[in-house]
Amino acid sequence: MPQQPEATIGIGMVGYAFMGRAHSAAWHAVTRAFDVPARPRLAAICGRDKAATEEAAQRLGWASTETDWRALIDRDDVDLIDISAPGDMHASIAIAALRAGKHVLCEKPLANSLTEALAMKEAADAAYAAGARAMVGFNYRRVPALALARRLVEQGRIGTLRHVRAVYLQDWLADPQAPMTWRMQAERAGSGALGDLGAHIIDLARYLTGDEITDVSALATTFVAERPYAGESAVGMVTVDDAVVLSARLASGALASFEATRYAAGHKNGLRIELNGSAGSLAFDLERLNELEFLDRADQPGLTGFRRILVTEPYHPYLAGWWPPGHTLGWEHTFTHQAADLLTAIAEGEQPLPSFADGLAVQRVLDAAARSAAAHRWESVTR
């Protein structure tokens, strides 16, 4: 059983819906699984609806509430601001928190625009010297099987990279009568499947390969232009993409393809990524979260094929904090691993990864993809 740290760090979180629930569970669980240098204290949760925020605080285990994120930042008992709110709030909250000397964890994608992401990265750089740390929440980096995949790539086990192919398939909008939400409004979400889902697989490509995307060619479409508001006869205009397909060149010369959609019937959370290299291949499927597929071209001829690695051994990434071999983990554990890594980096004075610079790098690709889809041509990723 991990020892409880004597030091504490006050957490203030903005948002209490889907991501807020996931982050809350992680802050509660992290000291039970890992020997982290500081115990998170869930000081306050913030939301605009006072009654709903108070209900969430009681259900999710927060000590108090705020209805104004500025008041949350001003609190002396809050050391870290956890931004689990929609994308249109990321830049203003993160920049204000960093200027106030608070650490920041910001959900992905980092921002709704390249301009906002640049400003956030500049604020993080300025705050770093004063001791404030900033991290963007690409939680799939914390899947043990994907962390193992990165290790194998770093060890040269797949040789020279040739291809990256990644898809992220969901179906929650396949019904044209599915109600309107903020995720379908450009002013709130920035983009649709491109930023919501594409950001994850673009970040994973960077994380796993250490390579950068240099040029993109994208197609995007909106299948259903209007959607009803829940419980109302009125409809709203959908102003984001429903699906995007993206071809890319990498700095190493490798090629990549990405597909993100919320219209793939039968797929609830179908993220899959595969790397092909001169010496082997790696493949991961989120619906088999505890497994990694690995092919080694050096195997005996006639016996070459993908092997299934069950990533549950204590020497695998993150697994030492959990259960005996074969006792599988779930999606929610990625957020606990994220919390552990962030707390450790803060205590050691290191830059937590992925940084706002990583978030900005992904935002540059999203921006190039949006420009490409609009202009129907290849676009360079700005640096």
Protein backbone atom coordinates (compact mmCIF):
# COMPACT_ATOMS: atom_id res chain seq x y z
CA MET A 1 0.00 0.00 0.00
CA PRO A 2 1.54 3.37 -0.97
CA GLN A 3 2.47 5.65 1.90
CA GLN A 4 0.41 8.81 2.20
CA PRO A 5 2.59 11.87 1.47
CA GLU A 6 2.79 14.60 4.08
CA ALA A 7 2.74 17.44 1.55
CA THR A 8 -0.55 18.47 -0.01
CA ILE A 9 -1.49 20.39 -3.14
CA GLY A 10 -4.82 22.18 -3.43
CA ILE A 11 -6.76 21.40 -6.60
CA GLY A 12 -9.38 23.70 -8.09
CA MET A 13 -11.30 22.25 -11.03
CA VAL A 14 -13.42 24.05 -13.63
CA GLY A 15 -16.12 21.77 -15.02
CA TYR A 16 -18.02 18.84 -13.55
CA ALA A 17 -19.43 16.89 -16.50
CA PHE A 18 -17.81 13.96 -18.33
CA MET A 19 -14.17 15.03 -17.97
CA GLY A 20 -14.79 16.50 -14.54
CA ARG A 21 -15.95 13.12 -13.29
CA ALA A 22 -12.92 11.37 -14.78
CA HIS A 23 -10.47 13.87 -13.31
CA SER A 24 -12.15 13.82 -9.89
CA ALA A 25 -11.87 10.04 -9.70
CA ALA A 26 -8.19 10.25 -10.63
CA TRP A 27 -7.34 12.82 -7.96
CA HIS A 28 -8.99 10.57 -5.37
CA ALA A 29 -7.26 7.40 -6.59
CA VAL A 30 -3.71 8.57 -7.24
CA THR A 31 -2.36 8.26 -3.68
CA ARG A 32 -3.93 4.82 -3.32
CA ALA A 33 -1.96 3.47 -6.27
CA PHE A 34 1.28 5.45 -6.40
CA ASP A 35 3.86 6.91 -4.03
CA VAL A 36 3.41 10.48 -5.21
CA PRO A 37 5.25 13.35 -3.50
CA ALA A 38 2.12 15.33 -2.62
CA ARG A 39 -1.45 14.43 -1.74
CA PRO A 40 -4.05 16.25 -3.85
CA ARG A 41 -6.62 18.10 -1.75
CA LEU A 42 -9.84 18.64 -3.68
CA ALA A 43 -10.36 22.21 -2.54
CA ALA A 44 -13.06 23.53 -4.86
CA ILE A 45 -14.99 22.75 -8.02
CA CYS A 46 -16.32 25.50 -10.26
CA GLY A 47 -19.38 25.71 -12.51
CA ARG A 48 -21.80 28.41 -13.63
CA ASP A 49 -24.90 26.65 -12.27
CA LYS A 50 -24.70 26.96 -8.48
CA ALA A 51 -27.12 24.13 -7.64
CA ALA A 52 -25.60 21.73 -10.16
CA THR A 53 -22.08 22.59 -8.98
CA GLU A 54 -23.00 21.96 -5.34
CA GLU A 55 -24.54 18.61 -6.27
CA ALA A 56 -21.40 17.69 -8.22
CA ALA A 57 -19.15 18.71 -5.32
CA GLN A 58 -21.01 16.38 -2.98
CA ARG A 59 -21.07 13.51 -5.46
CA LEU A 60 -17.46 13.86 -6.61
CA GLY A 61 -15.88 14.67 -3.26
CA TRP A 62 -14.94 18.35 -3.49
CA ALA A 63 -14.73 20.45 -0.32
CA SER A 64 -16.40 23.60 -1.67
CA THR A 65 -17.71 25.33 -4.80
CA GLU A 66 -17.30 28.45 -6.89
CA THR A 67 -19.40 29.83 -9.73
CA ASP A 68 -16.70 32.13 -11.14
CA TRP A 69 -13.38 30.68 -12.30
CA ARG A 70 -11.65 33.95 -11.43
CA ALA A 71 -12.62 33.46 -7.80
CA LEU A 72 -11.27 29.92 -8.00
CA ILE A 73 -7.88 31.20 -9.18
CA ASP A 74 -7.82 33.82 -6.41
CA ARG A 75 -8.22 31.27 -3.62
CA ASP A 76 -5.17 30.78 -1.39
CA ASP A 77 -6.01 27.09 -0.87
CA VAL A 78 -5.83 26.34 -4.61
CA ASP A 79 -2.38 25.59 -6.07
CA LEU A 80 -3.38 23.87 -9.31
CA ILE A 81 -6.17 24.69 -11.74
CA ASP A 82 -7.65 21.67 -13.54
CA ILE A 83 -9.48 22.85 -16.68
CA SER A 84 -12.14 20.31 -17.66
CA ALA A 85 -14.43 22.88 -19.30
CA PRO A 86 -15.32 23.33 -23.00
CA GLY A 87 -12.61 24.56 -25.36
CA ASP A 88 -13.76 28.16 -25.56
CA MET A 89 -12.76 28.61 -21.90
CA HIS A 90 -9.31 27.01 -22.02
CA ALA A 91 -7.20 30.01 -23.04
CA SER A 92 -8.65 32.62 -20.69
CA ILE A 93 -8.57 30.35 -17.63
CA ALA A 94 -5.13 28.86 -18.28
CA ILE A 95 -3.43 32.19 -18.99
CA ALA A 96 -4.97 33.83 -15.92
CA ALA A 97 -4.02 30.89 -13.70
CA LEU A 98 -0.42 30.80 -14.92
CA ARG A 99 -0.05 34.55 -14.43
CA ALA A 100 -1.30 34.04 -10.88
CA GLY A 101 1.43 31.45 -10.29
CA LYS A 102 -0.86 28.41 -10.33
CA HIS A 103 -0.03 25.10 -11.94
CA VAL A 104 -2.38 24.14 -14.78
CA LEU A 105 -3.74 20.90 -16.17
CA CYS A 106 -5.77 21.63 -19.31
CA GLU A 107 -7.88 19.15 -21.22
CA LYS A 108 -7.27 18.57 -24.93
CA PRO A 109 -7.27 20.00 -27.49
CA LEU A 110 -5.27 22.80 -25.92
CA ALA A 111 -7.33 25.59 -27.50
CA ASN A 112 -9.96 26.42 -30.10
CA SER A 113 -7.52 28.21 -32.38
CA LEU A 114 -3.84 28.44 -33.19
CA THR A 115 -3.76 32.03 -31.90
CA GLU A 116 -5.11 30.92 -28.51
CA ALA A 117 -2.70 27.98 -28.33
CA LEU A 118 0.27 30.26 -29.05
CA ALA A 119 -0.80 32.61 -26.25
CA MET A 120 -1.20 29.69 -23.84
CA LYS A 121 2.23 28.31 -24.67
CA GLU A 122 3.80 31.76 -24.18
CA ALA A 123 2.06 32.09 -20.79
CA ALA A 124 3.35 28.66 -19.75
CA ASP A 125 6.89 29.57 -20.78
CA ALA A 126 6.73 32.83 -18.82
CA ALA A 127 5.37 31.10 -15.71
CA TYR A 128 7.91 28.27 -15.79
CA ALA A 129 10.75 30.34 -14.34
CA ALA A 130 8.58 31.26 -11.37
CA GLY A 131 7.82 27.62 -10.65
CA ALA A 132 4.40 27.16 -12.23
CA ARG A 133 3.98 24.08 -14.39
CA ALA A 134 1.50 23.44 -17.21
CA MET A 135 0.41 20.18 -18.83
CA VAL A 136 -2.17 19.28 -21.48
CA GLY A 137 -4.33 16.22 -20.85
CA PHE A 138 -3.69 13.77 -23.67
CA ASN A 139 -4.59 10.85 -21.43
CA TYR A 140 -3.97 8.10 -24.00
CA ARG A 141 -0.25 8.61 -23.54
CA ARG A 142 -0.87 6.99 -20.15
CA VAL A 143 -2.26 3.70 -21.48
CA PRO A 144 0.39 1.17 -20.36
CA ALA A 145 0.32 -0.63 -23.73
CA LEU A 146 0.97 2.62 -25.60
CA ALA A 147 3.74 3.61 -23.18
CA LEU A 148 5.27 0.19 -23.89
CA ALA A 149 4.91 0.81 -27.62
CA ARG A 150 6.85 4.06 -27.28
CA ARG A 151 9.58 2.21 -25.39
CA LEU A 152 9.87 -0.38 -28.15
CA VAL A 153 10.13 2.33 -30.82
CA GLU A 154 12.84 4.10 -28.80
CA GLN A 155 14.72 0.79 -28.56
CA GLY A 156 14.68 0.52 -32.35
CA ARG A 157 12.49 -2.58 -32.40
CA ILE A 158 10.54 -1.51 -35.51
CA GLY A 159 13.54 0.05 -37.27
CA THR A 160 13.05 2.99 -39.63
CA LEU A 161 9.50 4.27 -39.56
CA ARG A 162 7.57 3.90 -42.83
CA HIS A 163 3.88 4.33 -42.03
CA VAL A 164 1.56 5.59 -39.31
CA ARG A 165 -2.15 4.90 -39.69
CA ALA A 166 -4.66 5.87 -37.07
CA VAL A 167 -8.43 6.01 -36.77
CA TYR A 168 -10.76 7.25 -34.05
CA LEU A 169 -14.30 6.10 -34.70
CA GLN A 170 -17.42 6.92 -32.67
CA ASP A 171 -21.12 6.73 -33.51
CA TRP A 172 -22.90 8.99 -31.03
CA LEU A 173 -24.07 11.31 -33.84
CA ALA A 174 -25.10 8.60 -36.29
CA ASP A 175 -28.76 9.26 -35.38
CA PRO A 176 -29.73 12.55 -37.13
CA GLN A 177 -32.12 13.25 -34.24
CA ALA A 178 -29.37 13.14 -31.62
CA PRO A 179 -29.68 16.45 -29.75
CA MET A 180 -27.57 19.54 -30.22
CA THR A 181 -24.67 20.04 -27.79
CA TRP A 182 -21.82 22.51 -27.41
CA ARG A 183 -19.54 20.02 -29.19
CA MET A 184 -21.37 20.86 -32.44
CA GLN A 185 -20.86 24.62 -32.15
CA ALA A 186 -17.63 26.09 -33.54
CA GLU A 187 -17.70 29.01 -31.11
CA ARG A 188 -17.62 26.56 -28.18
CA ALA A 189 -15.65 23.59 -29.49
CA GLY A 190 -13.44 25.10 -32.20
CA SER A 191 -13.94 22.08 -34.46
CA GLY A 192 -15.81 18.80 -34.46
CA ALA A 193 -14.32 15.35 -34.92
CA LEU A 194 -11.05 16.99 -36.02
CA GLY A 195 -10.28 18.51 -32.62
CA ASP A 196 -12.32 16.21 -30.40
CA LEU A 197 -10.97 12.92 -31.76
CA GLY A 198 -8.29 13.83 -34.28
CA ALA A 199 -6.25 15.65 -31.65
CA HIS A 200 -5.80 12.39 -29.74
CA ILE A 201 -4.47 10.35 -32.65
CA ILE A 202 -2.28 13.18 -33.91
CA ASP A 203 -0.72 13.48 -30.46
CA LEU A 204 -0.26 9.70 -30.27
CA ALA A 205 1.55 9.72 -33.60
CA ARG A 206 3.96 12.36 -32.28
CA TYR A 207 4.34 10.61 -28.91
CA LEU A 208 4.95 7.12 -30.26
CA THR A 209 7.30 8.05 -33.10
CA GLY A 210 9.07 11.19 -31.88
CA ASP A 211 8.44 12.46 -35.40
CA GLU A 212 6.68 15.64 -36.56
CA ILE A 213 3.96 16.11 -39.15
CA THR A 214 5.12 18.59 -41.80
CA ASP A 215 2.40 18.64 -44.49
CA VAL A 216 -1.25 17.59 -44.62
CA SER A 217 -4.08 17.05 -47.06
CA ALA A 218 -7.52 16.85 -45.47
CA LEU A 219 -11.15 16.26 -46.36
CA ALA A 220 -13.88 17.21 -43.89
CA THR A 221 -17.65 17.15 -44.03
CA THR A 222 -20.78 17.83 -42.00
CA PHE A 223 -23.41 15.17 -42.66
CA VAL A 224 -26.30 16.70 -40.68
CA ALA A 225 -26.52 20.50 -40.78
CA GLU A 226 -29.28 20.98 -38.18
CA ARG A 227 -30.03 19.24 -34.91
CA PRO A 228 -32.84 19.58 -32.37
CA TYR A 229 -32.22 20.96 -28.94
CA ALA A 230 -32.99 18.45 -26.21
CA GLY A 231 -36.62 18.69 -25.15
CA GLU A 232 -37.37 21.54 -27.56
CA SER A 233 -38.91 21.93 -31.00
CA ALA A 234 -36.23 24.42 -32.03
CA VAL A 235 -33.18 23.32 -34.00
CA GLY A 236 -29.62 24.61 -34.07
CA MET A 237 -27.07 24.82 -36.88
CA VAL A 238 -24.12 22.46 -36.72
CA THR A 239 -21.05 24.58 -37.42
CA VAL A 240 -18.29 21.97 -37.06
CA ASP A 241 -17.12 18.96 -39.04
CA ASP A 242 -18.70 15.57 -38.42
CA ALA A 243 -15.85 13.60 -39.98
CA VAL A 244 -12.35 14.22 -41.31
CA VAL A 245 -9.82 12.17 -43.29
CA LEU A 246 -6.23 13.35 -43.25
CA SER A 247 -3.12 12.31 -45.20
CA ALA A 248 0.24 13.53 -43.90
CA ARG A 249 3.98 13.58 -44.48
CA LEU A 250 6.34 13.30 -41.52
CA ALA A 251 9.73 14.97 -41.12
CA SER A 252 11.48 11.58 -41.31
CA GLY A 253 9.94 10.85 -44.70
CA ALA A 254 7.33 8.46 -43.32
CA LEU A 255 3.71 8.70 -44.42
CA ALA A 256 0.64 8.90 -42.19
CA SER A 257 -3.12 8.71 -42.44
CA PHE A 258 -5.73 9.73 -39.88
CA GLU A 259 -9.51 9.33 -39.80
CA ALA A 260 -11.83 10.76 -37.19
CA THR A 261 -15.60 10.52 -37.22
CA ARG A 262 -18.62 10.54 -34.93
CA TYR A 263 -20.73 8.70 -37.55
CA ALA A 264 -19.16 5.22 -37.63
CA ALA A 265 -22.15 3.07 -36.63
CA GLY A 266 -21.16 0.31 -34.23
CA HIS A 267 -18.02 2.04 -32.95
CA LYS A 268 -18.34 3.53 -29.47
CA ASN A 269 -14.74 4.52 -28.82
CA GLY A 270 -12.79 2.87 -31.61
CA LEU A 271 -9.27 4.25 -31.49
CA ARG A 272 -6.66 2.20 -33.35
CA ILE A 273 -3.11 3.12 -34.30
CA GLU A 274 -0.50 1.11 -36.19
CA LEU A 275 3.17 1.81 -36.91
CA ASN A 276 5.07 0.01 -39.67
CA GLY A 277 8.85 0.12 -39.79
CA SER A 278 11.72 -1.51 -41.63
CA ALA A 279 12.22 -4.04 -38.82
CA GLY A 280 8.69 -4.59 -37.52
CA SER A 281 5.27 -3.24 -36.69
CA LEU A 282 3.20 -2.24 -33.67
CA ALA A 283 -0.58 -2.01 -33.38
CA PHE A 284 -2.93 -0.93 -30.60
CA ASP A 285 -6.72 -0.99 -30.31
CA LEU A 286 -8.37 0.93 -27.46
CA GLU A 287 -11.17 -1.62 -27.25
CA ARG A 288 -8.42 -4.10 -26.22
CA LEU A 289 -6.74 -1.59 -23.94
CA ASN A 290 -4.47 -4.04 -22.10
CA GLU A 291 -2.97 -5.54 -25.27
CA LEU A 292 -0.24 -4.53 -27.71
CA GLU A 293 0.39 -6.27 -31.02
CA PHE A 294 4.04 -6.55 -32.09
CA LEU A 295 5.59 -8.05 -35.21
CA ASP A 296 9.34 -8.63 -35.44
CA ARG A 297 10.60 -9.20 -38.98
CA ALA A 298 13.66 -10.95 -37.52
CA ASP A 299 11.51 -13.90 -36.44
CA GLN A 300 12.11 -17.25 -38.14
CA PRO A 301 10.74 -17.31 -41.70
CA GLY A 302 7.33 -18.95 -41.80
CA LEU A 303 6.64 -17.99 -38.18
CA THR A 304 6.55 -14.23 -38.62
CA GLY A 305 3.29 -12.69 -37.44
CA PHE A 306 1.78 -10.30 -34.93
CA ARG A 307 2.21 -11.49 -31.35
CA ARG A 308 -0.21 -10.45 -28.61
CA ILE A 309 1.43 -8.90 -25.55
CA LEU A 310 -0.79 -8.72 -22.47
CA VAL A 311 0.46 -5.53 -20.82
CA THR A 312 -0.29 -6.30 -17.17
CA GLU A 313 3.11 -7.28 -15.75
CA PRO A 314 4.51 -5.17 -12.87
CA TYR A 315 7.53 -4.18 -15.00
CA HIS A 316 5.28 -2.73 -17.70
CA PRO A 317 4.68 1.06 -17.57
CA TYR A 318 2.48 2.14 -14.64
CA LEU A 319 1.52 -1.43 -13.67
CA ALA A 320 3.55 -1.58 -10.45
CA GLY A 321 0.86 0.48 -8.73
CA TRP A 322 -2.00 -1.85 -9.55
CA TRP A 323 -3.00 -5.51 -9.56
CA PRO A 324 -1.35 -8.92 -10.08
CA PRO A 325 -0.49 -9.94 -13.67
CA GLY A 326 -3.51 -10.57 -15.85
CA HIS A 327 -5.81 -8.33 -13.80
CA THR A 328 -6.63 -5.76 -16.44
CA LEU A 329 -6.95 -2.01 -16.15
CA GLY A 330 -9.60 0.31 -17.59
CA TRP A 331 -9.89 3.63 -19.41
CA GLU A 332 -10.21 5.57 -16.15
CA HIS A 333 -6.75 4.47 -14.98
CA THR A 334 -5.13 6.67 -17.63
CA PHE A 335 -6.26 9.75 -15.69
CA THR A 336 -4.76 8.38 -12.46
CA HIS A 337 -1.45 7.86 -14.26
CA GLN A 338 -1.72 11.41 -15.61
CA ALA A 339 -2.24 12.78 -12.11
CA ALA A 340 0.73 10.80 -10.76
CA ASP A 341 3.04 12.06 -13.50
CA LEU A 342 1.93 15.66 -13.02
CA LEU A 343 2.35 15.62 -9.24
CA THR A 344 5.81 14.07 -9.61
CA ALA A 345 6.96 16.60 -12.20
CA ILE A 346 5.76 19.52 -10.06
CA ALA A 347 7.59 18.21 -6.99
CA GLU A 348 10.79 17.63 -8.97
CA GLY A 349 10.61 21.00 -10.72
CA GLU A 350 10.50 19.31 -14.11
CA GLN A 351 8.36 20.07 -17.16
CA PRO A 352 5.37 17.70 -17.14
CA LEU A 353 4.62 16.04 -20.46
CA PRO A 354 2.77 16.58 -22.66
CA SER A 355 3.57 20.26 -22.29
CA PHE A 356 1.70 23.23 -23.70
CA ALA A 357 4.37 23.14 -26.42
CA ASP A 358 3.11 19.65 -27.30
CA GLY A 359 -0.45 20.94 -27.26
CA LEU A 360 0.59 23.76 -29.58
CA ALA A 361 2.28 21.29 -31.95
CA VAL A 362 -0.98 19.35 -32.23
CA GLN A 363 -2.90 22.61 -32.70
CA ARG A 364 -0.64 23.49 -35.63
CA VAL A 365 -1.61 20.24 -37.34
CA LEU A 366 -5.31 20.82 -36.62
CA ASP A 367 -5.00 24.31 -38.09
CA ALA A 368 -3.26 23.02 -41.22
CA ALA A 369 -5.91 20.32 -41.62
CA ALA A 370 -8.73 22.86 -41.38
CA ARG A 371 -7.02 25.09 -43.93
CA SER A 372 -6.45 22.13 -46.24
CA ALA A 373 -10.06 20.96 -46.05
CA ALA A 374 -11.28 24.47 -46.84
CA ALA A 375 -8.88 25.07 -49.73
CA HIS A 376 -8.81 21.52 -51.16
CA ARG A 377 -5.01 21.42 -51.30
CA TRP A 378 -1.93 20.32 -49.38
CA GLU A 379 -0.96 22.68 -46.56
CA SER A 380 2.29 22.98 -44.62
CA VAL A 381 2.21 22.75 -40.84
CA THR A 382 3.48 26.10 -39.58
CA ARG A 383 6.35 26.22 -37.10
